Amino acid sequence: MIRTLFLVGLLGVVCGACSSSDDDKANCPDVGGDWHVTQHCDASLIDEHMTVIANGCSLTFGAPFNGFTGTVSADGDISVNGPQSCEGVASASDIELICTPNSCVVKLER
């Protein structure tokens, strides 16, 4: 009986550790995957396709935005850093950013 309780308790601890990383992902909008640029101050980037790699709430951007990394919060606030700094709002279907120093509006859609 004591061995059974110990195993049940151990299983609960192991499963609890697993679910915490799943909860971290669930707390952020799912912005990982393929996107296309629908608005940018550099017109040559409009209609370009790119990939966002999400690791929990941490983000890494692929070409043409390689060199940019960021974070997204549970409420969708997104902060991106790299050659420029950007702030905005993200959801599973849209990302809207304002990047400085030139106040460039960047919109990404699925």
N, C-alpha and C. Protein backbone atom coordinates (compact mmCIF):
# COMPACT_ATOMS: atom_id res chain seq x y z
N MET A 1 0.83 -1.19 0.00
CA MET A 1 0.00 0.00 0.00
C MET A 1 0.87 1.26 0.00
N ILE A 2 1.91 1.28 0.81
CA ILE A 2 2.80 2.44 0.87
C ILE A 2 3.52 2.61 -0.47
N ARG A 3 3.95 1.50 -1.09
CA ARG A 3 4.61 1.58 -2.40
C ARG A 3 3.66 2.15 -3.44
N THR A 4 2.40 1.75 -3.39
CA THR A 4 1.42 2.26 -4.34
C THR A 4 1.22 3.75 -4.16
N LEU A 5 1.08 4.21 -2.91
CA LEU A 5 0.93 5.64 -2.65
C LEU A 5 2.16 6.41 -3.11
N PHE A 6 3.35 5.84 -2.87
CA PHE A 6 4.59 6.49 -3.31
C PHE A 6 4.61 6.63 -4.82
N LEU A 7 4.26 5.56 -5.54
CA LEU A 7 4.26 5.60 -7.01
C LEU A 7 3.23 6.59 -7.54
N VAL A 8 2.05 6.62 -6.93
CA VAL A 8 1.02 7.57 -7.35
C VAL A 8 1.52 9.00 -7.11
N GLY A 9 2.12 9.24 -5.96
CA GLY A 9 2.67 10.57 -5.66
C GLY A 9 3.78 10.96 -6.61
N LEU A 10 4.68 10.03 -6.92
CA LEU A 10 5.78 10.28 -7.85
C LEU A 10 5.24 10.58 -9.24
N LEU A 11 4.26 9.83 -9.67
CA LEU A 11 3.65 10.06 -10.98
C LEU A 11 3.00 11.44 -11.02
N GLY A 12 2.37 11.85 -9.93
CA GLY A 12 1.76 13.18 -9.86
C GLY A 12 2.79 14.29 -9.99
N VAL A 13 3.95 14.11 -9.35
CA VAL A 13 5.02 15.11 -9.44
C VAL A 13 5.56 15.16 -10.86
N VAL A 14 5.81 14.01 -11.47
CA VAL A 14 6.33 13.97 -12.84
C VAL A 14 5.33 14.59 -13.81
N CYS A 15 4.07 14.22 -13.71
CA CYS A 15 3.05 14.78 -14.60
C CYS A 15 2.86 16.27 -14.35
N GLY A 16 2.96 16.69 -13.11
CA GLY A 16 2.85 18.12 -12.81
C GLY A 16 3.95 18.92 -13.45
N ALA A 17 5.17 18.38 -13.48
CA ALA A 17 6.29 19.06 -14.14
C ALA A 17 6.05 19.14 -15.63
N CYS A 18 5.48 18.10 -16.22
CA CYS A 18 5.21 18.12 -17.66
C CYS A 18 4.15 19.16 -17.99
N SER A 19 3.12 19.25 -17.21
CA SER A 19 2.03 20.15 -17.54
C SER A 19 2.43 21.61 -17.39
N SER A 20 3.43 21.92 -16.56
CA SER A 20 3.80 23.31 -16.42
C SER A 20 4.36 23.86 -17.72
N SER A 21 5.14 23.08 -18.48
CA SER A 21 5.65 23.58 -19.76
C SER A 21 4.51 23.69 -20.77
N ASP A 22 3.53 22.79 -20.71
CA ASP A 22 2.37 22.90 -21.59
C ASP A 22 1.57 24.15 -21.23
N ASP A 23 1.47 24.47 -19.94
CA ASP A 23 0.75 25.66 -19.51
C ASP A 23 1.45 26.92 -20.02
N ASP A 24 2.81 26.93 -20.03
CA ASP A 24 3.54 28.08 -20.54
C ASP A 24 3.15 28.36 -21.99
N LYS A 25 3.08 27.31 -22.81
CA LYS A 25 2.70 27.50 -24.21
C LYS A 25 1.25 27.94 -24.32
N ALA A 26 0.38 27.41 -23.48
CA ALA A 26 -1.03 27.74 -23.54
C ALA A 26 -1.27 29.20 -23.13
N ASN A 27 -0.36 29.79 -22.36
CA ASN A 27 -0.53 31.16 -21.91
C ASN A 27 -0.19 32.18 -22.98
N CYS A 28 0.39 31.77 -24.08
CA CYS A 28 0.78 32.69 -25.15
C CYS A 28 -0.03 32.38 -26.40
N PRO A 29 -0.36 33.42 -27.19
CA PRO A 29 -0.99 33.14 -28.48
C PRO A 29 -0.07 32.28 -29.33
N ASP A 30 -0.62 31.38 -30.11
CA ASP A 30 0.17 30.49 -30.96
C ASP A 30 0.61 31.25 -32.21
N VAL A 31 1.78 31.88 -32.16
CA VAL A 31 2.26 32.67 -33.28
C VAL A 31 3.36 31.96 -34.06
N GLY A 32 3.70 30.75 -33.66
CA GLY A 32 4.71 29.99 -34.40
C GLY A 32 4.15 29.53 -35.74
N GLY A 33 4.99 29.51 -36.77
CA GLY A 33 4.58 29.00 -38.07
C GLY A 33 4.81 29.99 -39.19
N ASP A 34 4.09 29.78 -40.28
CA ASP A 34 4.28 30.57 -41.50
C ASP A 34 3.38 31.80 -41.51
N TRP A 35 3.95 32.92 -41.96
CA TRP A 35 3.27 34.21 -42.04
C TRP A 35 3.60 34.86 -43.37
N HIS A 36 2.78 35.85 -43.76
CA HIS A 36 3.19 36.69 -44.89
C HIS A 36 3.00 38.16 -44.51
N VAL A 37 3.87 38.98 -45.07
CA VAL A 37 3.90 40.41 -44.75
C VAL A 37 2.82 41.11 -45.57
N THR A 38 1.89 41.79 -44.90
CA THR A 38 0.83 42.51 -45.60
C THR A 38 1.03 44.02 -45.56
N GLN A 39 1.85 44.49 -44.63
CA GLN A 39 2.16 45.92 -44.58
C GLN A 39 3.57 46.09 -44.03
N HIS A 40 4.33 47.00 -44.64
CA HIS A 40 5.69 47.30 -44.21
C HIS A 40 6.11 48.61 -44.85
N CYS A 41 6.93 49.39 -44.18
CA CYS A 41 7.38 50.66 -44.77
C CYS A 41 8.34 50.42 -45.94
N ASP A 42 8.96 49.25 -45.99
CA ASP A 42 9.77 48.86 -47.15
C ASP A 42 8.87 48.03 -48.07
N ALA A 43 8.37 48.65 -49.13
CA ALA A 43 7.39 48.01 -50.02
C ALA A 43 7.90 46.70 -50.62
N SER A 44 9.21 46.53 -50.72
CA SER A 44 9.75 45.29 -51.30
C SER A 44 9.50 44.08 -50.42
N LEU A 45 9.16 44.30 -49.14
CA LEU A 45 8.90 43.19 -48.22
C LEU A 45 7.43 42.75 -48.21
N ILE A 46 6.54 43.56 -48.78
CA ILE A 46 5.13 43.20 -48.80
C ILE A 46 4.94 41.96 -49.67
N ASP A 47 4.16 41.02 -49.18
CA ASP A 47 3.88 39.71 -49.78
C ASP A 47 5.01 38.70 -49.60
N GLU A 48 6.07 39.06 -48.88
CA GLU A 48 7.12 38.10 -48.55
C GLU A 48 6.57 37.11 -47.53
N HIS A 49 7.03 35.89 -47.59
CA HIS A 49 6.65 34.86 -46.61
C HIS A 49 7.79 34.67 -45.63
N MET A 50 7.45 34.34 -44.40
CA MET A 50 8.46 34.15 -43.35
C MET A 50 7.94 33.17 -42.31
N THR A 51 8.85 32.72 -41.48
CA THR A 51 8.52 31.76 -40.42
C THR A 51 8.87 32.36 -39.07
N VAL A 52 7.99 32.15 -38.11
CA VAL A 52 8.25 32.49 -36.72
C VAL A 52 8.39 31.18 -35.97
N ILE A 53 9.48 31.04 -35.25
CA ILE A 53 9.70 29.86 -34.41
C ILE A 53 9.39 30.26 -32.97
N ALA A 54 8.41 29.59 -32.38
CA ALA A 54 8.01 29.88 -31.00
C ALA A 54 8.50 28.77 -30.09
N ASN A 55 9.16 29.16 -29.03
CA ASN A 55 9.59 28.24 -27.98
C ASN A 55 8.98 28.77 -26.69
N GLY A 56 7.80 28.26 -26.36
CA GLY A 56 7.04 28.85 -25.26
C GLY A 56 6.60 30.23 -25.71
N CYS A 57 6.94 31.25 -24.94
CA CYS A 57 6.59 32.63 -25.29
C CYS A 57 7.74 33.37 -25.95
N SER A 58 8.86 32.70 -26.20
CA SER A 58 10.02 33.29 -26.87
C SER A 58 9.93 33.05 -28.37
N LEU A 59 10.32 34.05 -29.15
CA LEU A 59 10.16 34.00 -30.59
C LEU A 59 11.49 34.25 -31.31
N THR A 60 11.66 33.57 -32.43
CA THR A 60 12.77 33.81 -33.34
C THR A 60 12.17 33.94 -34.73
N PHE A 61 12.60 34.94 -35.48
CA PHE A 61 12.04 35.22 -36.79
C PHE A 61 12.98 34.76 -37.89
N GLY A 62 12.40 34.19 -38.95
CA GLY A 62 13.16 33.76 -40.11
C GLY A 62 13.25 34.86 -41.15
N ALA A 63 13.99 34.59 -42.22
CA ALA A 63 14.17 35.55 -43.32
C ALA A 63 12.81 35.98 -43.85
N PRO A 64 12.64 37.22 -44.19
CA PRO A 64 13.62 38.30 -44.28
C PRO A 64 13.85 39.04 -42.97
N PHE A 65 13.34 38.51 -41.85
CA PHE A 65 13.50 39.16 -40.55
C PHE A 65 14.45 38.40 -39.64
N ASN A 66 15.36 37.60 -40.23
CA ASN A 66 16.33 36.91 -39.39
C ASN A 66 17.17 37.97 -38.67
N GLY A 67 17.56 37.64 -37.47
CA GLY A 67 18.24 38.61 -36.62
C GLY A 67 17.29 39.23 -35.61
N PHE A 68 15.99 38.99 -35.78
CA PHE A 68 15.00 39.50 -34.83
C PHE A 68 14.58 38.36 -33.88
N THR A 69 14.45 38.70 -32.61
CA THR A 69 13.92 37.79 -31.60
C THR A 69 12.90 38.57 -30.79
N GLY A 70 12.08 37.86 -30.04
CA GLY A 70 11.09 38.56 -29.25
C GLY A 70 10.37 37.68 -28.26
N THR A 71 9.37 38.27 -27.63
CA THR A 71 8.52 37.56 -26.69
C THR A 71 7.08 38.00 -26.92
N VAL A 72 6.16 37.11 -26.59
CA VAL A 72 4.74 37.43 -26.63
C VAL A 72 4.14 37.05 -25.28
N SER A 73 3.26 37.90 -24.77
CA SER A 73 2.65 37.64 -23.46
C SER A 73 1.30 36.97 -23.63
N ALA A 74 0.74 36.54 -22.52
CA ALA A 74 -0.56 35.86 -22.54
C ALA A 74 -1.66 36.73 -23.14
N ASP A 75 -1.57 38.04 -22.93
CA ASP A 75 -2.60 38.93 -23.48
C ASP A 75 -2.29 39.41 -24.90
N GLY A 76 -1.22 38.87 -25.51
CA GLY A 76 -0.90 39.17 -26.90
C GLY A 76 0.04 40.33 -27.12
N ASP A 77 0.52 40.96 -26.06
CA ASP A 77 1.53 42.00 -26.25
C ASP A 77 2.80 41.35 -26.77
N ILE A 78 3.37 41.93 -27.83
CA ILE A 78 4.57 41.37 -28.43
C ILE A 78 5.65 42.43 -28.45
N SER A 79 6.87 42.00 -28.13
CA SER A 79 8.04 42.86 -28.15
C SER A 79 9.10 42.15 -28.98
N VAL A 80 9.66 42.86 -29.96
CA VAL A 80 10.63 42.29 -30.89
C VAL A 80 11.87 43.16 -30.89
N ASN A 81 13.03 42.52 -30.87
CA ASN A 81 14.30 43.25 -30.90
C ASN A 81 15.21 42.65 -31.97
N GLY A 82 16.07 43.47 -32.48
CA GLY A 82 17.03 43.08 -33.50
C GLY A 82 17.61 44.35 -34.08
N PRO A 83 17.71 44.43 -35.40
CA PRO A 83 18.19 45.66 -36.01
C PRO A 83 17.30 46.87 -35.67
N GLN A 84 16.02 46.62 -35.37
CA GLN A 84 15.09 47.63 -34.89
C GLN A 84 14.36 47.07 -33.69
N SER A 85 13.72 47.93 -32.92
CA SER A 85 12.88 47.51 -31.80
C SER A 85 11.43 47.72 -32.19
N CYS A 86 10.58 46.73 -31.87
CA CYS A 86 9.17 46.77 -32.26
C CYS A 86 8.30 46.38 -31.08
N GLU A 87 7.13 46.99 -31.01
CA GLU A 87 6.12 46.67 -30.01
C GLU A 87 4.79 46.53 -30.73
N GLY A 88 3.92 45.67 -30.22
CA GLY A 88 2.62 45.54 -30.85
C GLY A 88 1.75 44.50 -30.19
N VAL A 89 0.84 43.96 -31.02
CA VAL A 89 -0.16 43.00 -30.55
C VAL A 89 -0.13 41.79 -31.49
N ALA A 90 -0.23 40.60 -30.89
CA ALA A 90 -0.21 39.36 -31.67
C ALA A 90 -1.38 38.48 -31.30
N SER A 91 -1.89 37.77 -32.31
CA SER A 91 -2.89 36.73 -32.10
C SER A 91 -2.48 35.56 -32.97
N ALA A 92 -3.27 34.51 -32.96
CA ALA A 92 -2.94 33.34 -33.78
C ALA A 92 -3.07 33.63 -35.27
N SER A 93 -3.74 34.73 -35.65
CA SER A 93 -3.95 35.02 -37.07
C SER A 93 -3.30 36.32 -37.55
N ASP A 94 -2.93 37.22 -36.64
CA ASP A 94 -2.38 38.53 -37.01
C ASP A 94 -1.27 38.94 -36.05
N ILE A 95 -0.28 39.62 -36.59
CA ILE A 95 0.72 40.31 -35.77
C ILE A 95 0.81 41.73 -36.31
N GLU A 96 0.64 42.71 -35.43
CA GLU A 96 0.77 44.11 -35.82
C GLU A 96 1.83 44.76 -34.94
N LEU A 97 2.83 45.37 -35.58
CA LEU A 97 3.95 45.95 -34.87
C LEU A 97 4.19 47.39 -35.32
N ILE A 98 4.70 48.20 -34.42
CA ILE A 98 5.27 49.49 -34.77
C ILE A 98 6.74 49.43 -34.38
N CYS A 99 7.59 49.60 -35.37
CA CYS A 99 9.03 49.48 -35.17
C CYS A 99 9.68 50.86 -35.20
N THR A 100 10.67 51.04 -34.35
CA THR A 100 11.40 52.29 -34.29
C THR A 100 12.83 52.05 -34.77
N PRO A 101 13.54 53.01 -35.20
CA PRO A 101 13.33 54.43 -34.94
C PRO A 101 12.46 55.15 -35.97
N ASN A 102 12.03 54.51 -37.03
CA ASN A 102 11.31 55.21 -38.10
C ASN A 102 9.80 55.04 -38.05
N SER A 103 9.23 54.56 -36.95
CA SER A 103 7.79 54.33 -36.83
C SER A 103 7.23 53.54 -38.00
N CYS A 104 7.88 52.46 -38.33
CA CYS A 104 7.47 51.58 -39.43
C CYS A 104 6.38 50.64 -38.93
N VAL A 105 5.22 50.65 -39.59
CA VAL A 105 4.13 49.74 -39.24
C VAL A 105 4.34 48.44 -40.02
N VAL A 106 4.34 47.32 -39.28
CA VAL A 106 4.53 46.00 -39.88
C VAL A 106 3.32 45.15 -39.50
N LYS A 107 2.68 44.57 -40.53
CA LYS A 107 1.56 43.66 -40.28
C LYS A 107 1.85 42.33 -40.95
N LEU A 108 1.63 41.27 -40.18
CA LEU A 108 1.80 39.91 -40.66
C LEU A 108 0.47 39.18 -40.52
N GLU A 109 0.14 38.36 -41.50
CA GLU A 109 -1.08 37.56 -41.45
C GLU A 109 -0.77 36.13 -41.84
N ARG A 110 -1.61 35.21 -41.41
CA ARG A 110 -1.47 33.80 -41.79
C ARG A 110 -1.88 33.61 -43.22
